């Protein structure tokens, strides 16, 4: 009925999930501190990546969500520009 590879894959996925959860629960405080330091989970307008505010409300207003969206779009555009610049630099180096 079930293929043996499916059962092995399911068991491996289940084991990886259990191990991941165990590691997370053992290191929850340090993981949460690192995420807070990089600004993950903080969607307050005007906050920079290295500066996180204390958002006490789980519900965010539309303005806060739009500000976070714009910030992420700016970060994505900046990253794409850096990747393109690096690619052009690599192509110029290969041409020489």
N, C-alpha and C. Protein backbone atom coordinates (compact mmCIF):
# COMPACT_ATOMS: atom_id res chain seq x y z
N UNK A 1 0.82 -1.18 0.00
CA UNK A 1 0.00 0.00 0.00
C UNK A 1 0.88 1.25 0.00
N UNK A 2 1.72 1.44 1.03
CA UNK A 2 2.64 2.56 1.07
C UNK A 2 4.00 2.12 0.59
N UNK A 3 4.64 2.98 -0.14
CA UNK A 3 5.99 2.71 -0.58
C UNK A 3 6.94 2.84 0.62
N UNK A 4 7.94 2.02 0.65
CA UNK A 4 8.89 2.03 1.77
C UNK A 4 9.61 3.37 1.86
N UNK A 5 9.93 3.98 0.72
CA UNK A 5 10.62 5.27 0.71
C UNK A 5 9.76 6.37 1.34
N UNK A 6 8.45 6.30 1.15
CA UNK A 6 7.56 7.28 1.76
C UNK A 6 7.60 7.15 3.27
N UNK A 7 7.54 5.94 3.77
CA UNK A 7 7.58 5.73 5.21
C UNK A 7 8.92 6.17 5.81
N UNK A 8 10.02 5.89 5.11
CA UNK A 8 11.34 6.31 5.59
C UNK A 8 11.42 7.84 5.59
N UNK A 9 10.92 8.47 4.53
CA UNK A 9 10.92 9.93 4.46
C UNK A 9 10.08 10.55 5.56
N UNK A 10 8.92 9.96 5.81
CA UNK A 10 8.05 10.46 6.87
C UNK A 10 8.74 10.33 8.23
N UNK A 11 9.36 9.19 8.48
CA UNK A 11 10.04 8.98 9.76
C UNK A 11 11.22 9.94 9.91
N UNK A 12 11.96 10.17 8.84
CA UNK A 12 13.08 11.11 8.90
C UNK A 12 12.59 12.53 9.16
N UNK A 13 11.50 12.92 8.52
CA UNK A 13 10.94 14.25 8.74
C UNK A 13 10.43 14.42 10.16
N UNK A 14 9.78 13.39 10.66
CA UNK A 14 9.28 13.43 12.03
C UNK A 14 10.43 13.53 13.02
N UNK A 15 11.47 12.76 12.80
CA UNK A 15 12.64 12.80 13.67
C UNK A 15 13.31 14.18 13.62
N UNK A 16 13.44 14.75 12.43
CA UNK A 16 14.05 16.08 12.30
C UNK A 16 13.20 17.12 13.02
N UNK A 17 11.89 17.01 12.92
CA UNK A 17 11.01 17.94 13.63
C UNK A 17 11.15 17.84 15.13
N UNK A 18 11.21 16.62 15.64
CA UNK A 18 11.36 16.42 17.08
C UNK A 18 12.70 16.95 17.57
N UNK A 19 13.76 16.68 16.83
CA UNK A 19 15.09 17.16 17.22
C UNK A 19 15.12 18.69 17.16
N UNK A 20 14.55 19.27 16.11
CA UNK A 20 14.50 20.73 15.99
C UNK A 20 13.73 21.37 17.12
N UNK A 21 12.59 20.79 17.47
CA UNK A 21 11.80 21.33 18.58
C UNK A 21 12.55 21.23 19.90
N UNK A 22 13.23 20.11 20.10
CA UNK A 22 13.99 19.91 21.33
C UNK A 22 15.12 20.94 21.43
N UNK A 23 15.84 21.16 20.32
CA UNK A 23 16.92 22.15 20.32
C UNK A 23 16.37 23.55 20.56
N UNK A 24 15.24 23.86 19.92
CA UNK A 24 14.63 25.18 20.12
C UNK A 24 14.19 25.37 21.57
N UNK A 25 13.53 24.37 22.13
CA UNK A 25 13.04 24.53 23.50
C UNK A 25 14.19 24.63 24.50
N UNK A 26 15.30 23.95 24.23
CA UNK A 26 16.46 24.05 25.12
C UNK A 26 17.13 25.42 25.03
N UNK A 27 17.08 26.05 23.86
CA UNK A 27 17.80 27.31 23.63
C UNK A 27 16.84 28.47 23.35
N UNK A 28 15.61 28.37 23.83
CA UNK A 28 14.57 29.35 23.51
C UNK A 28 14.98 30.77 23.90
N UNK A 29 15.52 30.96 25.06
CA UNK A 29 15.85 32.32 25.51
C UNK A 29 16.95 32.95 24.65
N UNK A 30 17.98 32.19 24.33
CA UNK A 30 19.05 32.76 23.50
C UNK A 30 18.59 33.00 22.07
N UNK A 31 17.73 32.13 21.54
CA UNK A 31 17.20 32.33 20.19
C UNK A 31 16.32 33.56 20.15
N UNK A 32 15.44 33.71 21.13
CA UNK A 32 14.57 34.88 21.18
C UNK A 32 15.37 36.17 21.33
N UNK A 33 16.43 36.14 22.12
CA UNK A 33 17.27 37.32 22.29
C UNK A 33 17.96 37.69 20.98
N UNK A 34 18.47 36.71 20.27
CA UNK A 34 19.11 36.98 18.98
C UNK A 34 18.11 37.53 17.97
N UNK A 35 16.91 36.96 17.94
CA UNK A 35 15.90 37.46 17.01
C UNK A 35 15.51 38.89 17.35
N UNK A 36 15.43 39.20 18.62
CA UNK A 36 15.09 40.56 19.03
C UNK A 36 16.21 41.52 18.64
N UNK A 37 17.47 41.07 18.76
CA UNK A 37 18.60 41.93 18.41
C UNK A 37 18.64 42.27 16.93
N UNK A 38 18.21 41.35 16.07
CA UNK A 38 18.23 41.64 14.64
C UNK A 38 16.93 42.27 14.16
N UNK A 39 15.97 42.41 15.04
CA UNK A 39 14.75 43.10 14.68
C UNK A 39 13.64 42.20 14.18
N UNK A 40 13.81 40.91 14.24
CA UNK A 40 12.76 40.00 13.78
C UNK A 40 11.58 40.06 14.73
N UNK A 41 10.41 40.11 14.18
CA UNK A 41 9.21 40.15 14.99
C UNK A 41 8.85 41.54 15.47
N UNK A 42 9.59 42.53 15.03
CA UNK A 42 9.31 43.90 15.42
C UNK A 42 8.86 44.65 14.18
N UNK A 43 7.62 45.05 14.15
CA UNK A 43 7.08 45.72 12.97
C UNK A 43 6.64 47.13 13.29
N UNK A 44 7.42 47.84 14.07
CA UNK A 44 7.08 49.21 14.40
C UNK A 44 7.65 50.14 13.34
N UNK A 45 6.89 51.15 12.94
CA UNK A 45 7.39 52.05 11.90
C UNK A 45 8.62 52.80 12.37
N UNK A 46 9.57 52.96 11.47
CA UNK A 46 10.76 53.71 11.77
C UNK A 46 11.85 52.93 12.47
N UNK A 47 11.62 51.69 12.80
CA UNK A 47 12.67 50.93 13.48
C UNK A 47 13.64 50.39 12.44
N UNK A 48 14.91 50.52 12.73
CA UNK A 48 15.94 50.02 11.84
C UNK A 48 16.23 48.57 12.17
N UNK A 49 17.05 47.93 11.33
CA UNK A 49 17.33 46.51 11.54
C UNK A 49 18.02 46.27 12.87
N UNK A 50 18.90 47.16 13.29
CA UNK A 50 19.63 46.95 14.54
C UNK A 50 18.94 47.60 15.73
N UNK A 51 17.79 48.24 15.50
CA UNK A 51 17.07 48.91 16.58
C UNK A 51 15.66 48.37 16.61
N UNK A 52 15.30 47.72 17.68
CA UNK A 52 13.98 47.13 17.77
C UNK A 52 13.21 47.79 18.90
N UNK A 53 11.96 48.09 18.61
CA UNK A 53 11.12 48.67 19.65
C UNK A 53 10.36 47.56 20.35
N UNK A 54 9.70 47.89 21.41
CA UNK A 54 8.93 46.91 22.16
C UNK A 54 7.47 47.01 21.73
N UNK A 55 7.05 46.11 20.90
CA UNK A 55 5.68 46.10 20.41
C UNK A 55 4.86 45.24 21.35
N UNK A 56 4.04 45.87 22.17
CA UNK A 56 3.29 45.11 23.15
C UNK A 56 2.02 44.52 22.56
N UNK A 57 1.53 45.08 21.48
CA UNK A 57 0.27 44.62 20.90
C UNK A 57 0.54 43.58 19.83
N UNK A 58 -0.23 42.51 19.84
CA UNK A 58 -0.10 41.49 18.81
C UNK A 58 -0.78 41.94 17.53
N UNK A 59 -1.74 42.83 17.64
CA UNK A 59 -2.44 43.38 16.48
C UNK A 59 -1.70 44.61 16.00
N UNK A 60 -1.35 44.64 14.71
CA UNK A 60 -0.67 45.79 14.15
C UNK A 60 -1.64 46.56 13.28
N UNK A 61 -1.50 47.87 13.27
CA UNK A 61 -2.37 48.68 12.44
C UNK A 61 -1.94 48.58 10.98
N UNK A 62 -2.80 49.02 10.12
CA UNK A 62 -2.51 48.99 8.69
C UNK A 62 -1.29 49.86 8.37
N UNK A 63 -1.17 50.98 9.04
CA UNK A 63 -0.04 51.88 8.81
C UNK A 63 1.28 51.21 9.20
N UNK A 64 1.26 50.50 10.32
CA UNK A 64 2.48 49.81 10.76
C UNK A 64 2.87 48.71 9.78
N UNK A 65 1.88 47.99 9.28
CA UNK A 65 2.16 46.94 8.31
C UNK A 65 2.69 47.51 7.00
N UNK A 66 2.12 48.62 6.55
CA UNK A 66 2.59 49.25 5.32
C UNK A 66 4.01 49.79 5.49
N UNK A 67 4.32 50.35 6.65
CA UNK A 67 5.67 50.84 6.90
C UNK A 67 6.68 49.69 6.89
N UNK A 68 6.30 48.56 7.49
CA UNK A 68 7.19 47.39 7.49
C UNK A 68 7.36 46.85 6.07
N UNK A 69 6.28 46.84 5.29
CA UNK A 69 6.35 46.38 3.90
C UNK A 69 7.30 47.25 3.10
N UNK A 70 7.21 48.57 3.25
CA UNK A 70 8.10 49.47 2.53
C UNK A 70 9.55 49.26 2.94
N UNK A 71 9.78 49.05 4.22
CA UNK A 71 11.14 48.80 4.70
C UNK A 71 11.71 47.53 4.08
N UNK A 72 10.88 46.47 4.05
CA UNK A 72 11.33 45.21 3.45
C UNK A 72 11.58 45.36 1.96
N UNK A 73 10.72 46.09 1.26
CA UNK A 73 10.93 46.32 -0.17
C UNK A 73 12.23 47.07 -0.42
N UNK A 74 12.55 48.06 0.44
CA UNK A 74 13.81 48.78 0.32
C UNK A 74 15.00 47.87 0.54
N UNK A 75 14.91 46.99 1.55
CA UNK A 75 16.00 46.04 1.82
C UNK A 75 16.19 45.08 0.66
N UNK A 76 15.08 44.61 0.07
CA UNK A 76 15.15 43.70 -1.07
C UNK A 76 15.80 44.39 -2.26
N UNK A 77 15.39 45.62 -2.55
CA UNK A 77 15.96 46.37 -3.67
C UNK A 77 17.45 46.61 -3.46
N UNK A 78 17.84 46.93 -2.22
CA UNK A 78 19.25 47.16 -1.92
C UNK A 78 20.05 45.87 -2.11
N UNK A 79 19.50 44.76 -1.66
CA UNK A 79 20.19 43.48 -1.81
C UNK A 79 20.34 43.10 -3.28
N UNK A 80 19.28 43.30 -4.06
CA UNK A 80 19.35 43.00 -5.50
C UNK A 80 20.40 43.85 -6.19
N UNK A 81 20.49 45.12 -5.81
CA UNK A 81 21.49 46.00 -6.41
C UNK A 81 22.90 45.53 -6.07
N UNK A 82 23.11 45.09 -4.83
CA UNK A 82 24.43 44.59 -4.44
C UNK A 82 24.78 43.33 -5.20
N UNK A 83 23.80 42.43 -5.40
CA UNK A 83 24.06 41.19 -6.13
C UNK A 83 24.37 41.50 -7.59
N UNK A 84 23.62 42.42 -8.19
CA UNK A 84 23.88 42.78 -9.58
C UNK A 84 25.26 43.43 -9.73
N UNK A 85 25.62 44.29 -8.78
CA UNK A 85 26.92 44.93 -8.83
C UNK A 85 28.05 43.90 -8.69
N UNK A 86 27.87 42.93 -7.82
CA UNK A 86 28.87 41.88 -7.65
C UNK A 86 28.97 41.03 -8.91
N UNK A 87 27.84 40.74 -9.55
CA UNK A 87 27.85 39.96 -10.79
C UNK A 87 28.56 40.72 -11.90
N UNK A 88 28.31 42.02 -12.01
CA UNK A 88 28.98 42.82 -13.03
C UNK A 88 30.49 42.88 -12.77
N UNK A 89 30.86 42.98 -11.50
CA UNK A 89 32.28 42.97 -11.15
C UNK A 89 32.94 41.66 -11.50
N UNK A 90 32.24 40.55 -11.28
CA UNK A 90 32.78 39.23 -11.62
C UNK A 90 32.91 39.07 -13.13
N UNK A 91 31.92 39.58 -13.87
CA UNK A 91 31.99 39.48 -15.34
C UNK A 91 33.14 40.34 -15.87
N UNK A 92 33.36 41.51 -15.29
CA UNK A 92 34.46 42.37 -15.72
C UNK A 92 35.80 41.72 -15.41
N UNK A 93 35.89 41.04 -14.28
CA UNK A 93 37.13 40.36 -13.92
C UNK A 93 37.41 39.19 -14.85
N UNK A 94 36.36 38.49 -15.25
CA UNK A 94 36.54 37.37 -16.19
C UNK A 94 36.92 37.84 -17.58
N UNK A 95 36.45 39.00 -17.97
CA UNK A 95 36.74 39.53 -19.29
C UNK A 95 38.19 39.94 -19.42
N UNK A 96 38.84 40.26 -18.32
CA UNK A 96 40.24 40.69 -18.36
C UNK A 96 41.10 39.52 -18.45
